[in-house]
């Protein structure tokens, strides 16, 4: 008897239906949780009062130093690190990213 191996089996269809149902359930739960979180945050923001807070129109200025001779820029995290943090000389990777 010839068998069509490309045709879907009945168990595959049942599994797909279960996955679709569980996906719909998860989406509904996520939407409900997001709505609850939004409501809680609004109530929290309404109660929040900072009496000593001032709005200032100041521009912050900070002196930034260029990279020094004993520093390098990591090729993974792009942070400027001291040479003592260099883990891989060939790839110029810091010890945090190499771990």
C-alpha atoms as a PDB file:
ATOM      1  CA  UNK A   1       0.000   0.000   0.000  1.00  0.00           C
ATOM      2  CA  UNK A   2       1.378   3.410  -0.972  1.00  0.00           C
ATOM      3  CA  UNK A   3       1.761   5.978   1.756  1.00  0.00           C
ATOM      4  CA  UNK A   4       1.944   9.743   1.367  1.00  0.00           C
ATOM      5  CA  UNK A   5       4.665  10.884   3.744  1.00  0.00           C
ATOM      6  CA  UNK A   6       4.032  14.569   3.003  1.00  0.00           C
ATOM      7  CA  UNK A   7       0.458  14.415   4.280  1.00  0.00           C
ATOM      8  CA  UNK A   8      -0.161  15.594   7.833  1.00  0.00           C
ATOM      9  CA  UNK A   9      -0.922  13.010  10.421  1.00  0.00           C
ATOM     10  CA  UNK A  10      -3.894  13.347  12.725  1.00  0.00           C
ATOM     11  CA  UNK A  11      -1.651  13.628  15.808  1.00  0.00           C
ATOM     12  CA  UNK A  12       0.168  16.584  14.224  1.00  0.00           C
ATOM     13  CA  UNK A  13      -3.137  18.412  13.735  1.00  0.00           C
ATOM     14  CA  UNK A  14      -4.182  17.752  17.325  1.00  0.00           C
ATOM     15  CA  UNK A  15      -0.821  18.987  18.647  1.00  0.00           C
ATOM     16  CA  UNK A  16      -1.103  22.146  16.529  1.00  0.00           C
ATOM     17  CA  UNK A  17      -4.578  22.829  17.927  1.00  0.00           C
ATOM     18  CA  UNK A  18      -3.316  22.395  21.493  1.00  0.00           C
ATOM     19  CA  UNK A  19      -0.408  24.730  20.835  1.00  0.00           C
ATOM     20  CA  UNK A  20      -2.715  27.363  19.333  1.00  0.00           C
ATOM     21  CA  UNK A  21      -5.050  27.129  22.320  1.00  0.00           C
ATOM     22  CA  UNK A  22      -2.198  27.425  24.801  1.00  0.00           C
ATOM     23  CA  UNK A  23      -0.759  30.354  22.835  1.00  0.00           C
ATOM     24  CA  UNK A  24      -4.104  32.140  22.923  1.00  0.00           C
ATOM     25  CA  UNK A  25      -4.361  31.487  26.664  1.00  0.00           C
ATOM     26  CA  UNK A  26      -0.878  32.894  27.267  1.00  0.00           C
ATOM     27  CA  UNK A  27      -1.644  35.985  25.193  1.00  0.00           C
ATOM     28  CA  UNK A  28      -4.830  36.586  27.176  1.00  0.00           C
ATOM     29  CA  UNK A  29      -2.972  36.191  30.484  1.00  0.00           C
ATOM     30  CA  UNK A  30      -0.222  38.550  29.344  1.00  0.00           C
ATOM     31  CA  UNK A  31      -2.745  41.175  28.232  1.00  0.00           C
ATOM     32  CA  UNK A  32      -4.554  40.907  31.566  1.00  0.00           C
ATOM     33  CA  UNK A  33      -1.321  41.218  33.523  1.00  0.00           C
ATOM     34  CA  UNK A  34      -0.226  44.235  31.481  1.00  0.00           C
ATOM     35  CA  UNK A  35      -3.573  45.937  32.072  1.00  0.00           C
ATOM     36  CA  UNK A  36      -3.300  45.293  35.816  1.00  0.00           C
ATOM     37  CA  UNK A  37       0.218  46.688  35.921  1.00  0.00           C
ATOM     38  CA  UNK A  38      -0.827  49.814  34.058  1.00  0.00           C
ATOM     39  CA  UNK A  39      -3.656  50.475  36.514  1.00  0.00           C
ATOM     40  CA  UNK A  40      -1.372  50.027  39.520  1.00  0.00           C
ATOM     41  CA  UNK A  41       1.217  52.388  38.122  1.00  0.00           C
ATOM     42  CA  UNK A  42      -1.369  55.086  37.471  1.00  0.00           C
ATOM     43  CA  UNK A  43      -2.613  54.929  41.064  1.00  0.00           C
ATOM     44  CA  UNK A  44       0.950  55.028  42.341  1.00  0.00           C
ATOM     45  CA  UNK A  45       1.798  58.030  40.206  1.00  0.00           C
ATOM     46  CA  UNK A  46      -1.309  59.870  41.413  1.00  0.00           C
ATOM     47  CA  UNK A  47      -0.297  59.384  45.057  1.00  0.00           C
ATOM     48  CA  UNK A  48       3.329  60.308  44.461  1.00  0.00           C
ATOM     49  CA  UNK A  49       4.109  63.808  45.653  1.00  0.00           C
ATOM     50  CA  UNK A  50       7.602  65.216  46.000  1.00  0.00           C
ATOM     51  CA  UNK A  51       7.317  68.441  47.995  1.00  0.00           C
ATOM     52  CA  UNK A  52      11.017  69.343  47.818  1.00  0.00           C
ATOM     53  CA  UNK A  53      11.413  68.622  44.128  1.00  0.00           C
ATOM     54  CA  UNK A  54      12.449  71.558  41.999  1.00  0.00           C
ATOM     55  CA  UNK A  55      12.449  71.850  38.262  1.00  0.00           C
ATOM     56  CA  UNK A  56      15.706  73.400  37.178  1.00  0.00           C
ATOM     57  CA  UNK A  57      16.630  74.592  33.758  1.00  0.00           C
ATOM     58  CA  UNK A  58      20.328  74.040  34.307  1.00  0.00           C
ATOM     59  CA  UNK A  59      22.640  72.490  31.835  1.00  0.00           C
ATOM     60  CA  UNK A  60      24.998  69.997  33.404  1.00  0.00           C
ATOM     61  CA  UNK A  61      28.579  70.270  32.323  1.00  0.00           C
ATOM     62  CA  UNK A  62      31.180  67.612  32.874  1.00  0.00           C
ATOM     63  CA  UNK A  63      34.752  67.513  31.728  1.00  0.00           C
ATOM     64  CA  UNK A  64      35.420  64.319  29.766  1.00  0.00           C
ATOM     65  CA  UNK A  65      38.964  63.100  29.446  1.00  0.00           C
ATOM     66  CA  UNK A  66      40.085  61.333  26.272  1.00  0.00           C
ATOM     67  CA  UNK A  67      41.260  57.732  26.462  1.00  0.00           C
ATOM     68  CA  UNK A  68      44.587  57.534  28.263  1.00  0.00           C
ATOM     69  CA  UNK A  69      47.665  55.577  27.147  1.00  0.00           C
ATOM     70  CA  UNK A  70      47.036  52.832  29.729  1.00  0.00           C
ATOM     71  CA  UNK A  71      43.385  52.318  28.709  1.00  0.00           C
ATOM     72  CA  UNK A  72      41.648  50.403  25.927  1.00  0.00           C
ATOM     73  CA  UNK A  73      38.154  50.202  24.474  1.00  0.00           C
ATOM     74  CA  UNK A  74      36.561  46.753  24.694  1.00  0.00           C
ATOM     75  CA  UNK A  75      35.325  45.510  21.312  1.00  0.00           C
ATOM     76  CA  UNK A  76      32.269  43.815  22.865  1.00  0.00           C
ATOM     77  CA  UNK A  77      30.884  46.269  25.430  1.00  0.00           C
ATOM     78  CA  UNK A  78      32.632  49.395  24.058  1.00  0.00           C
ATOM     79  CA  UNK A  79      33.582  50.602  27.534  1.00  0.00           C
ATOM     80  CA  UNK A  80      36.929  52.220  28.160  1.00  0.00           C
ATOM     81  CA  UNK A  81      38.803  49.996  30.606  1.00  0.00           C
ATOM     82  CA  UNK A  82      42.214  50.073  32.277  1.00  0.00           C
ATOM     83  CA  UNK A  83      44.888  47.777  30.778  1.00  0.00           C
ATOM     84  CA  UNK A  84      44.699  45.565  33.875  1.00  0.00           C
ATOM     85  CA  UNK A  85      41.180  44.541  32.736  1.00  0.00           C
ATOM     86  CA  UNK A  86      42.402  43.303  29.337  1.00  0.00           C
ATOM     87  CA  UNK A  87      41.628  39.578  29.040  1.00  0.00           C
ATOM     88  CA  UNK A  88      42.297  38.918  25.348  1.00  0.00           C
ATOM     89  CA  UNK A  89      44.984  40.986  23.659  1.00  0.00           C
ATOM     90  CA  UNK A  90      44.232  39.695  20.165  1.00  0.00           C
ATOM     91  CA  UNK A  91      40.483  40.490  20.269  1.00  0.00           C
ATOM     92  CA  UNK A  92      40.794  43.448  22.704  1.00  0.00           C
ATOM     93  CA  UNK A  93      38.155  42.133  25.115  1.00  0.00           C
ATOM     94  CA  UNK A  94      37.824  43.089  28.776  1.00  0.00           C
ATOM     95  CA  UNK A  95      37.761  40.502  31.558  1.00  0.00           C
ATOM     96  CA  UNK A  96      34.018  41.033  32.163  1.00  0.00           C
ATOM     97  CA  UNK A  97      33.104  40.216  28.562  1.00  0.00           C
ATOM     98  CA  UNK A  98      35.568  37.316  28.369  1.00  0.00           C
ATOM     99  CA  UNK A  99      33.906  35.552  31.309  1.00  0.00           C
END
